[in-house]
Full PDB file with SEQRES, HELIX, SHEET, SSBOND, CRYST1, ORIGX, SCALE, CONECT and MASTER records, all heavy atoms in Angstrom:
SEQRES   1 A   32  ASN LEU ASN LEU LEU THR ARG ILE ASN ARG GLU LEU GLU          
SEQRES   2 A   32  ALA ASP PHE ASP PRO ASP ALA PHE ARG HIS ARG ALA ARG          
SEQRES   3 A   32  TYR ASP ALA GLY ALA GLY                                      
HELIX    1 AA1 ASN A    3  LEU A   12  1                                  10    
HELIX    2 AA2 PRO A   18  ALA A   20  5                                   3    
CRYST1    1.000    1.000    1.000  90.00  90.00  90.00 P 1           1          
ORIGX1      1.000000  0.000000  0.000000        0.00000                         
ORIGX2      0.000000  1.000000  0.000000        0.00000                         
ORIGX3      0.000000  0.000000  1.000000        0.00000                         
SCALE1      1.000000  0.000000  0.000000        0.00000                         
SCALE2      0.000000  1.000000  0.000000        0.00000                         
SCALE3      0.000000  0.000000  1.000000        0.00000                         
ATOM      1  N   ASN A   1      59.944 -83.523  51.917  1.00  0.00           N  
ATOM      2  CA  ASN A   1      58.870 -82.605  52.305  1.00  0.00           C  
ATOM      3  C   ASN A   1      59.147 -81.203  51.731  1.00  0.00           C  
ATOM      4  O   ASN A   1      58.297 -80.586  51.110  1.00  0.00           O  
ATOM      5  CB  ASN A   1      58.770 -82.573  53.821  1.00  0.00           C  
ATOM      6  CG  ASN A   1      57.424 -82.051  54.311  1.00  0.00           C  
ATOM      7  OD1 ASN A   1      56.524 -81.784  53.542  1.00  0.00           O  
ATOM      8  ND2 ASN A   1      57.318 -81.906  55.629  1.00  0.00           N  
ATOM      9  N   LEU A   2      60.390 -80.731  51.904  1.00  0.00           N  
ATOM     10  CA  LEU A   2      60.731 -79.375  51.458  1.00  0.00           C  
ATOM     11  C   LEU A   2      60.780 -79.263  49.947  1.00  0.00           C  
ATOM     12  O   LEU A   2      60.586 -78.172  49.377  1.00  0.00           O  
ATOM     13  CB  LEU A   2      62.073 -78.970  52.061  1.00  0.00           C  
ATOM     14  CG  LEU A   2      62.006 -78.655  53.562  1.00  0.00           C  
ATOM     15  CD1 LEU A   2      63.388 -78.722  54.191  1.00  0.00           C  
ATOM     16  CD2 LEU A   2      61.390 -77.279  53.777  1.00  0.00           C  
ATOM     17  N   ASN A   3      61.034 -80.358  49.248  1.00  0.00           N  
ATOM     18  CA  ASN A   3      61.062 -80.330  47.775  1.00  0.00           C  
ATOM     19  C   ASN A   3      59.712 -79.908  47.198  1.00  0.00           C  
ATOM     20  O   ASN A   3      59.643 -79.392  46.087  1.00  0.00           O  
ATOM     21  CB  ASN A   3      61.458 -81.703  47.237  1.00  0.00           C  
ATOM     22  CG  ASN A   3      61.540 -81.727  45.726  1.00  0.00           C  
ATOM     23  OD1 ASN A   3      62.376 -81.040  45.117  1.00  0.00           O  
ATOM     24  ND2 ASN A   3      60.660 -82.486  45.085  1.00  0.00           N  
ATOM     25  N   LEU A   4      58.651 -80.117  47.969  1.00  0.00           N  
ATOM     26  CA  LEU A   4      57.331 -79.675  47.530  1.00  0.00           C  
ATOM     27  C   LEU A   4      57.336 -78.175  47.227  1.00  0.00           C  
ATOM     28  O   LEU A   4      56.746 -77.714  46.227  1.00  0.00           O  
ATOM     29  CB  LEU A   4      56.308 -80.001  48.610  1.00  0.00           C  
ATOM     30  CG  LEU A   4      54.868 -79.534  48.406  1.00  0.00           C  
ATOM     31  CD1 LEU A   4      54.261 -80.172  47.144  1.00  0.00           C  
ATOM     32  CD2 LEU A   4      54.018 -79.873  49.609  1.00  0.00           C  
ATOM     33  N   LEU A   5      58.018 -77.385  48.056  1.00  0.00           N  
ATOM     34  CA  LEU A   5      58.046 -75.924  47.865  1.00  0.00           C  
ATOM     35  C   LEU A   5      58.864 -75.583  46.606  1.00  0.00           C  
ATOM     36  O   LEU A   5      58.510 -74.689  45.857  1.00  0.00           O  
ATOM     37  CB  LEU A   5      58.658 -75.261  49.083  1.00  0.00           C  
ATOM     38  CG  LEU A   5      57.945 -75.514  50.414  1.00  0.00           C  
ATOM     39  CD1 LEU A   5      58.618 -74.731  51.525  1.00  0.00           C  
ATOM     40  CD2 LEU A   5      56.452 -75.179  50.328  1.00  0.00           C  
ATOM     41  N   THR A   6      59.940 -76.327  46.382  1.00  0.00           N  
ATOM     42  CA  THR A   6      60.767 -76.103  45.204  1.00  0.00           C  
ATOM     43  C   THR A   6      59.954 -76.379  43.933  1.00  0.00           C  
ATOM     44  O   THR A   6      60.039 -75.685  42.931  1.00  0.00           O  
ATOM     45  CB  THR A   6      62.014 -76.988  45.232  1.00  0.00           C  
ATOM     46  OG1 THR A   6      62.750 -76.695  46.438  1.00  0.00           O  
ATOM     47  CG2 THR A   6      62.894 -76.772  44.042  1.00  0.00           C  
ATOM     48  N   ARG A   7      59.164 -77.470  43.974  1.00  0.00           N  
ATOM     49  CA  ARG A   7      58.340 -77.815  42.824  1.00  0.00           C  
ATOM     50  C   ARG A   7      57.311 -76.697  42.558  1.00  0.00           C  
ATOM     51  O   ARG A   7      57.092 -76.307  41.381  1.00  0.00           O  
ATOM     52  CB  ARG A   7      57.613 -79.135  43.043  1.00  0.00           C  
ATOM     53  CG  ARG A   7      56.746 -79.493  41.863  1.00  0.00           C  
ATOM     54  CD  ARG A   7      55.907 -80.705  42.067  1.00  0.00           C  
ATOM     55  NE  ARG A   7      55.188 -81.017  40.813  1.00  0.00           N  
ATOM     56  CZ  ARG A   7      54.289 -81.979  40.682  1.00  0.00           C  
ATOM     57  NH1 ARG A   7      53.951 -82.759  41.711  1.00  0.00           N  
ATOM     58  NH2 ARG A   7      53.700 -82.172  39.506  1.00  0.00           N  
ATOM     59  N   ILE A   8      56.661 -76.204  43.591  1.00  0.00           N  
ATOM     60  CA  ILE A   8      55.660 -75.145  43.430  1.00  0.00           C  
ATOM     61  C   ILE A   8      56.312 -73.906  42.848  1.00  0.00           C  
ATOM     62  O   ILE A   8      55.749 -73.246  41.962  1.00  0.00           O  
ATOM     63  CB  ILE A   8      54.977 -74.857  44.781  1.00  0.00           C  
ATOM     64  CG1 ILE A   8      54.135 -76.073  45.218  1.00  0.00           C  
ATOM     65  CG2 ILE A   8      54.088 -73.615  44.660  1.00  0.00           C  
ATOM     66  CD1 ILE A   8      53.610 -75.964  46.629  1.00  0.00           C  
ATOM     67  N   ASN A   9      57.522 -73.565  43.333  1.00  0.00           N  
ATOM     68  CA  ASN A   9      58.235 -72.402  42.753  1.00  0.00           C  
ATOM     69  C   ASN A   9      58.449 -72.588  41.269  1.00  0.00           C  
ATOM     70  O   ASN A   9      58.213 -71.664  40.474  1.00  0.00           O  
ATOM     71  CB  ASN A   9      59.589 -72.253  43.442  1.00  0.00           C  
ATOM     72  CG  ASN A   9      59.495 -71.644  44.832  1.00  0.00           C  
ATOM     73  OD1 ASN A   9      58.439 -71.126  45.234  1.00  0.00           O  
ATOM     74  ND2 ASN A   9      60.594 -71.694  45.569  1.00  0.00           N  
ATOM     75  N   ARG A  10      58.887 -73.772  40.887  1.00  0.00           N  
ATOM     76  CA  ARG A  10      59.252 -74.027  39.485  1.00  0.00           C  
ATOM     77  C   ARG A  10      58.026 -74.058  38.591  1.00  0.00           C  
ATOM     78  O   ARG A  10      58.040 -73.483  37.469  1.00  0.00           O  
ATOM     79  CB  ARG A  10      60.003 -75.347  39.394  1.00  0.00           C  
ATOM     80  CG  ARG A  10      60.465 -75.698  37.980  1.00  0.00           C  
ATOM     81  CD  ARG A  10      61.176 -77.048  37.915  1.00  0.00           C  
ATOM     82  NE  ARG A  10      60.288 -78.158  38.194  1.00  0.00           N  
ATOM     83  CZ  ARG A  10      60.331 -78.898  39.296  1.00  0.00           C  
ATOM     84  NH1 ARG A  10      61.222 -78.639  40.242  1.00  0.00           N  
ATOM     85  NH2 ARG A  10      59.491 -79.906  39.440  1.00  0.00           N  
ATOM     86  N   GLU A  11      56.958 -74.720  39.016  1.00  0.00           N  
ATOM     87  CA  GLU A  11      55.826 -74.970  38.125  1.00  0.00           C  
ATOM     88  C   GLU A  11      54.724 -73.929  38.226  1.00  0.00           C  
ATOM     89  O   GLU A  11      53.942 -73.775  37.301  1.00  0.00           O  
ATOM     90  CB  GLU A  11      55.250 -76.357  38.431  1.00  0.00           C  
ATOM     91  CG  GLU A  11      56.255 -77.475  38.144  1.00  0.00           C  
ATOM     92  CD  GLU A  11      55.651 -78.848  38.206  1.00  0.00           C  
ATOM     93  OE1 GLU A  11      54.413 -78.985  38.021  1.00  0.00           O  
ATOM     94  OE2 GLU A  11      56.388 -79.812  38.451  1.00  0.00           O  
ATOM     95  N   LEU A  12      54.669 -73.175  39.344  1.00  0.00           N  
ATOM     96  CA  LEU A  12      53.546 -72.240  39.538  1.00  0.00           C  
ATOM     97  C   LEU A  12      53.999 -70.801  39.751  1.00  0.00           C  
ATOM     98  O   LEU A  12      53.218 -69.975  40.227  1.00  0.00           O  
ATOM     99  CB  LEU A  12      52.696 -72.702  40.740  1.00  0.00           C  
ATOM    100  CG  LEU A  12      52.084 -74.096  40.630  1.00  0.00           C  
ATOM    101  CD1 LEU A  12      51.214 -74.378  41.847  1.00  0.00           C  
ATOM    102  CD2 LEU A  12      51.260 -74.255  39.350  1.00  0.00           C  
ATOM    103  N   GLU A  13      55.249 -70.497  39.402  1.00  0.00           N  
ATOM    104  CA  GLU A  13      55.773 -69.135  39.500  1.00  0.00           C  
ATOM    105  C   GLU A  13      55.605 -68.589  40.915  1.00  0.00           C  
ATOM    106  O   GLU A  13      55.168 -67.432  41.103  1.00  0.00           O  
ATOM    107  CB  GLU A  13      55.066 -68.224  38.481  1.00  0.00           C  
ATOM    108  CG  GLU A  13      55.230 -68.670  37.049  1.00  0.00           C  
ATOM    109  CD  GLU A  13      54.445 -67.808  36.079  1.00  0.00           C  
ATOM    110  OE1 GLU A  13      53.680 -66.939  36.532  1.00  0.00           O  
ATOM    111  OE2 GLU A  13      54.603 -68.009  34.861  1.00  0.00           O  
ATOM    112  N   ALA A  14      55.983 -69.392  41.898  1.00  0.00           N  
ATOM    113  CA  ALA A  14      55.907 -68.985  43.304  1.00  0.00           C  
ATOM    114  C   ALA A  14      57.286 -68.557  43.782  1.00  0.00           C  
ATOM    115  O   ALA A  14      58.306 -68.712  43.109  1.00  0.00           O  
ATOM    116  CB  ALA A  14      55.386 -70.144  44.146  1.00  0.00           C  
ATOM    117  N   ASP A  15      57.308 -67.973  45.019  1.00  0.00           N  
ATOM    118  CA  ASP A  15      58.591 -67.485  45.545  1.00  0.00           C  
ATOM    119  C   ASP A  15      58.810 -67.978  46.981  1.00  0.00           C  
ATOM    120  O   ASP A  15      59.303 -67.253  47.838  1.00  0.00           O  
ATOM    121  CB  ASP A  15      58.675 -65.963  45.472  1.00  0.00           C  
ATOM    122  CG  ASP A  15      57.575 -65.261  46.265  1.00  0.00           C  
ATOM    123  OD1 ASP A  15      56.720 -65.947  46.884  1.00  0.00           O  
ATOM    124  OD2 ASP A  15      57.550 -64.017  46.258  1.00  0.00           O  
ATOM    125  N   PHE A  16      58.454 -69.237  47.264  1.00  0.00           N  
ATOM    126  CA  PHE A  16      58.771 -69.836  48.547  1.00  0.00           C  
ATOM    127  C   PHE A  16      60.289 -69.821  48.769  1.00  0.00           C  
ATOM    128  O   PHE A  16      61.072 -70.083  47.840  1.00  0.00           O  
ATOM    129  CB  PHE A  16      58.306 -71.291  48.596  1.00  0.00           C  
ATOM    130  CG  PHE A  16      56.857 -71.479  48.963  1.00  0.00           C  
ATOM    131  CD1 PHE A  16      55.931 -71.802  47.961  1.00  0.00           C  
ATOM    132  CD2 PHE A  16      56.425 -71.335  50.277  1.00  0.00           C  
ATOM    133  CE1 PHE A  16      54.593 -71.993  48.274  1.00  0.00           C  
ATOM    134  CE2 PHE A  16      55.085 -71.542  50.589  1.00  0.00           C  
ATOM    135  CZ  PHE A  16      54.169 -71.861  49.604  1.00  0.00           C  
ATOM    136  N   ASP A  17      60.706 -69.558  49.987  1.00  0.00           N  
ATOM    137  CA  ASP A  17      62.098 -69.742  50.386  1.00  0.00           C  
ATOM    138  C   ASP A  17      62.118 -71.033  51.214  1.00  0.00           C  
ATOM    139  O   ASP A  17      61.751 -71.021  52.406  1.00  0.00           O  
ATOM    140  CB  ASP A  17      62.576 -68.561  51.229  1.00  0.00           C  
ATOM    141  CG  ASP A  17      63.990 -68.761  51.770  1.00  0.00           C  
ATOM    142  OD1 ASP A  17      64.634 -69.780  51.384  1.00  0.00           O  
ATOM    143  OD2 ASP A  17      64.437 -67.925  52.559  1.00  0.00           O  
ATOM    144  N   PRO A  18      62.567 -72.157  50.634  1.00  0.00           N  
ATOM    145  CA  PRO A  18      62.557 -73.419  51.397  1.00  0.00           C  
ATOM    146  C   PRO A  18      63.366 -73.352  52.681  1.00  0.00           C  
ATOM    147  O   PRO A  18      63.044 -74.060  53.653  1.00  0.00           O  
ATOM    148  CB  PRO A  18      63.168 -74.413  50.401  1.00  0.00           C  
ATOM    149  CG  PRO A  18      62.836 -73.852  49.055  1.00  0.00           C  
ATOM    150  CD  PRO A  18      62.973 -72.362  49.235  1.00  0.00           C  
ATOM    151  N   ASP A  19      64.384 -72.479  52.736  1.00  0.00           N  
ATOM    152  CA  ASP A  19      65.192 -72.347  53.958  1.00  0.00           C  
ATOM    153  C   ASP A  19      64.411 -71.675  55.078  1.00  0.00           C  
ATOM    154  O   ASP A  19      64.863 -71.682  56.238  1.00  0.00           O  
ATOM    155  CB  ASP A  19      66.470 -71.543  53.675  1.00  0.00           C  
ATOM    156  CG  ASP A  19      67.439 -72.327  52.788  1.00  0.00           C  
ATOM    157  OD1 ASP A  19      67.366 -73.576  52.783  1.00  0.00           O  
ATOM    158  OD2 ASP A  19      68.243 -71.682  52.090  1.00  0.00           O  
ATOM    159  N   ALA A  20      63.272 -71.067  54.744  1.00  0.00           N  
ATOM    160  CA  ALA A  20      62.456 -70.408  55.760  1.00  0.00           C  
ATOM    161  C   ALA A  20      61.387 -71.338  56.324  1.00  0.00           C  
ATOM    162  O   ALA A  20      60.485 -70.906  57.035  1.00  0.00           O  
ATOM    163  CB  ALA A  20      61.815 -69.144  55.186  1.00  0.00           C  
ATOM    164  N   PHE A  21      61.481 -72.633  56.004  1.00  0.00           N  
ATOM    165  CA  PHE A  21      60.554 -73.641  56.520  1.00  0.00           C  
ATOM    166  C   PHE A  21      61.353 -74.840  57.014  1.00  0.00           C  
ATOM    167  O   PHE A  21      62.493 -75.056  56.566  1.00  0.00           O  
ATOM    168  CB  PHE A  21      59.580 -74.122  55.415  1.00  0.00           C  
ATOM    169  CG  PHE A  21      58.566 -73.091  55.010  1.00  0.00           C  
ATOM    170  CD1 PHE A  21      58.909 -72.082  54.092  1.00  0.00           C  
ATOM    171  CD2 PHE A  21      57.272 -73.100  55.549  1.00  0.00           C  
ATOM    172  CE1 PHE A  21      57.971 -71.130  53.710  1.00  0.00           C  
ATOM    173  CE2 PHE A  21      56.329 -72.162  55.161  1.00  0.00           C  
ATOM    174  CZ  PHE A  21      56.688 -71.166  54.252  1.00  0.00           C  
ATOM    175  N   ARG A  22      60.793 -75.582  57.934  1.00  0.00           N  
ATOM    176  CA  ARG A  22      61.426 -76.828  58.379  1.00  0.00           C  
ATOM    177  C   ARG A  22      60.393 -77.961  58.384  1.00  0.00           C  
ATOM    178  O   ARG A  22      59.195 -77.725  58.473  1.00  0.00           O  
ATOM    179  CB  ARG A  22      62.031 -76.679  59.784  1.00  0.00           C  
ATOM    180  CG  ARG A  22      61.052 -76.493  60.905  1.00  0.00           C  
ATOM    181  CD  ARG A  22      61.741 -76.523  62.264  1.00  0.00           C  
ATOM    182  NE  ARG A  22      60.809 -76.207  63.351  1.00  0.00           N  
ATOM    183  CZ  ARG A  22      60.035 -77.124  63.940  1.00  0.00           C  
ATOM    184  NH1 ARG A  22      60.061 -78.381  63.520  1.00  0.00           N  
ATOM    185  NH2 ARG A  22      59.192 -76.785  64.904  1.00  0.00           N  
ATOM    186  N   HIS A  23      60.911 -79.164  58.294  1.00  0.00           N  
ATOM    187  CA  HIS A  23      60.102 -80.367  58.302  1.00  0.00           C  
ATOM    188  C   HIS A  23      59.694 -80.730  59.747  1.00  0.00           C  
ATOM    189  O   HIS A  23      60.503 -80.608  60.664  1.00  0.00           O  
ATOM    190  CB  HIS A  23      60.935 -81.499  57.700  1.00  0.00           C  
ATOM    191  CG  HIS A  23      60.452 -82.902  57.983  1.00  0.00           C  
ATOM    192  ND1 HIS A  23      59.339 -83.442  57.362  1.00  0.00           N  
ATOM    193  CD2 HIS A  23      60.918 -83.857  58.849  1.00  0.00           C  
ATOM    194  CE1 HIS A  23      59.169 -84.687  57.791  1.00  0.00           C  
ATOM    195  NE2 HIS A  23      60.088 -84.951  58.702  1.00  0.00           N  
ATOM    196  N   ARG A  24      58.440 -81.156  59.929  1.00  0.00           N  
ATOM    197  CA  ARG A  24      57.989 -81.680  61.195  1.00  0.00           C  
ATOM    198  C   ARG A  24      57.060 -82.868  60.958  1.00  0.00           C  
ATOM    199  O   ARG A  24      56.137 -82.771  60.145  1.00  0.00           O  
ATOM    200  CB  ARG A  24      57.244 -80.619  62.034  1.00  0.00           C  
ATOM    201  CG  ARG A  24      56.900 -81.106  63.459  1.00  0.00           C  
ATOM    202  CD  ARG A  24      56.183 -80.030  64.232  1.00  0.00           C  
ATOM    203  NE  ARG A  24      54.776 -79.962  63.849  1.00  0.00           N  
ATOM    204  CZ  ARG A  24      53.968 -78.932  64.160  1.00  0.00           C  
ATOM    205  NH1 ARG A  24      54.451 -77.879  64.792  1.00  0.00           N  
ATOM    206  NH2 ARG A  24      52.707 -78.936  63.767  1.00  0.00           N  
ATOM    207  N   ALA A  25      57.330 -83.969  61.661  1.00  0.00           N  
ATOM    208  CA  ALA A  25      56.451 -85.135  61.552  1.00  0.00           C  
ATOM    209  C   ALA A  25      56.363 -85.805  62.914  1.00  0.00           C  
ATOM    210  O   ALA A  25      57.394 -86.015  63.561  1.00  0.00           O  
ATOM    211  CB  ALA A  25      56.995 -86.133  60.512  1.00  0.00           C  
ATOM    212  N   ARG A  26      55.146 -86.122  63.360  1.00  0.00           N  
ATOM    213  CA  ARG A  26      54.995 -86.865  64.595  1.00  0.00           C  
ATOM    214  C   ARG A  26      53.651 -87.585  64.636  1.00  0.00           C  
ATOM    215  O   ARG A  26      52.699 -87.208  63.935  1.00  0.00           O  
ATOM    216  CB  ARG A  26      55.162 -85.991  65.828  1.00  0.00           C  
ATOM    217  CG  ARG A  26      54.236 -84.798  65.948  1.00  0.00           C  
ATOM    218  CD  ARG A  26      54.438 -84.113  67.300  1.00  0.00           C  
ATOM    219  NE  ARG A  26      53.744 -82.846  67.374  1.00  0.00           N  
ATOM    220  CZ  ARG A  26      54.340 -81.682  67.528  1.00  0.00           C  
ATOM    221  NH1 ARG A  26      55.660 -81.619  67.581  1.00  0.00           N  
ATOM    222  NH2 ARG A  26      53.649 -80.567  67.599  1.00  0.00           N  
ATOM    223  N   TYR A  27      53.640 -88.652  65.430  1.00  0.00           N  
ATOM    224  CA  TYR A  27      52.475 -89.514  65.517  1.00  0.00           C  
ATOM    225  C   TYR A  27      51.454 -88.922  66.505  1.00  0.00           C  
ATOM    226  O   TYR A  27      51.807 -88.536  67.617  1.00  0.00           O  
ATOM    227  CB  TYR A  27      52.876 -90.910  65.965  1.00  0.00           C  
ATOM    228  CG  TYR A  27      51.732 -91.876  66.037  1.00  0.00           C  
ATOM    229  CD1 TYR A  27      50.973 -92.207  64.911  1.00  0.00           C  
ATOM    230  CD2 TYR A  27      51.386 -92.488  67.238  1.00  0.00           C  
ATOM    231  CE1 TYR A  27      49.926 -93.116  64.977  1.00  0.00           C  
ATOM    232  CE2 TYR A  27      50.342 -93.406  67.318  1.00  0.00           C  
ATOM    233  CZ  TYR A  27      49.613 -93.704  66.187  1.00  0.00           C  
ATOM    234  OH  TYR A  27      48.556 -94.601  66.251  1.00  0.00           O  
ATOM    235  N   ASP A  28      50.209 -88.843  66.078  1.00  0.00           N  
ATOM    236  CA  ASP A  28      49.097 -88.439  66.929  1.00  0.00           C  
ATOM    237  C   ASP A  28      48.321 -89.703  67.270  1.00  0.00           C  
ATOM    238  O   ASP A  28      47.566 -90.228  66.447  1.00  0.00           O  
ATOM    239  CB  ASP A  28      48.229 -87.426  66.165  1.00  0.00           C  
ATOM    240  CG  ASP A  28      47.052 -86.902  66.995  1.00  0.00           C  
ATOM    241  OD1 ASP A  28      46.601 -87.602  67.932  1.00  0.00           O  
ATOM    242  OD2 ASP A  28      46.561 -85.788  66.701  1.00  0.00           O  
ATOM    243  N   ALA A  29      48.511 -90.202  68.482  1.00  0.00           N  
ATOM    244  CA  ALA A  29      47.899 -91.462  68.878  1.00  0.00           C  
ATOM    245  C   ALA A  29      46.378 -91.377  68.859  1.00  0.00           C  
ATOM    246  O   ALA A  29      45.683 -92.339  68.520  1.00  0.00           O  
ATOM    247  CB  ALA A  29      48.394 -91.880  70.255  1.00  0.00           C  
ATOM    248  N   GLY A  30      45.831 -90.204  69.254  1.00  0.00           N  
ATOM    249  CA  GLY A  30      44.382 -90.048  69.285  1.00  0.00           C  
ATOM    250  C   GLY A  30      43.756 -90.175  67.904  1.00  0.00           C  
ATOM    251  O   GLY A  30      42.713 -90.814  67.723  1.00  0.00           O  
ATOM    252  N   ALA A  31      44.438 -89.571  66.899  1.00  0.00           N  
ATOM    253  CA  ALA A  31      43.940 -89.638  65.530  1.00  0.00           C  
ATOM    254  C   ALA A  31      44.402 -90.899  64.796  1.00  0.00           C  
ATOM    255  O   ALA A  31      43.876 -91.224  63.727  1.00  0.00           O  
ATOM    256  CB  ALA A  31      44.406 -88.396  64.754  1.00  0.00           C  
ATOM    257  N   GLY A  32      45.369 -91.605  65.389  1.00  0.00           N  
ATOM    258  CA  GLY A  32      45.877 -92.826  64.753  1.00  0.00           C  
ATOM    259  C   GLY A  32      46.638 -92.554  63.477  1.00  0.00           C  
ATOM    260  O   GLY A  32      46.581 -93.354  62.534  1.00  0.00           O  
TER     261      GLY A  32                                                      
MASTER        0    0    0    2    0    0    0    6  260    1    0    3          
END                                                                             
């Protein structure tokens, strides 16, 4: 998930700090 930010930095001249974000994933039963 965090590699997405690294790719954007490399290919689109961005300055995301991946250490300033964390991964979150969970199931939403209502949305399935």
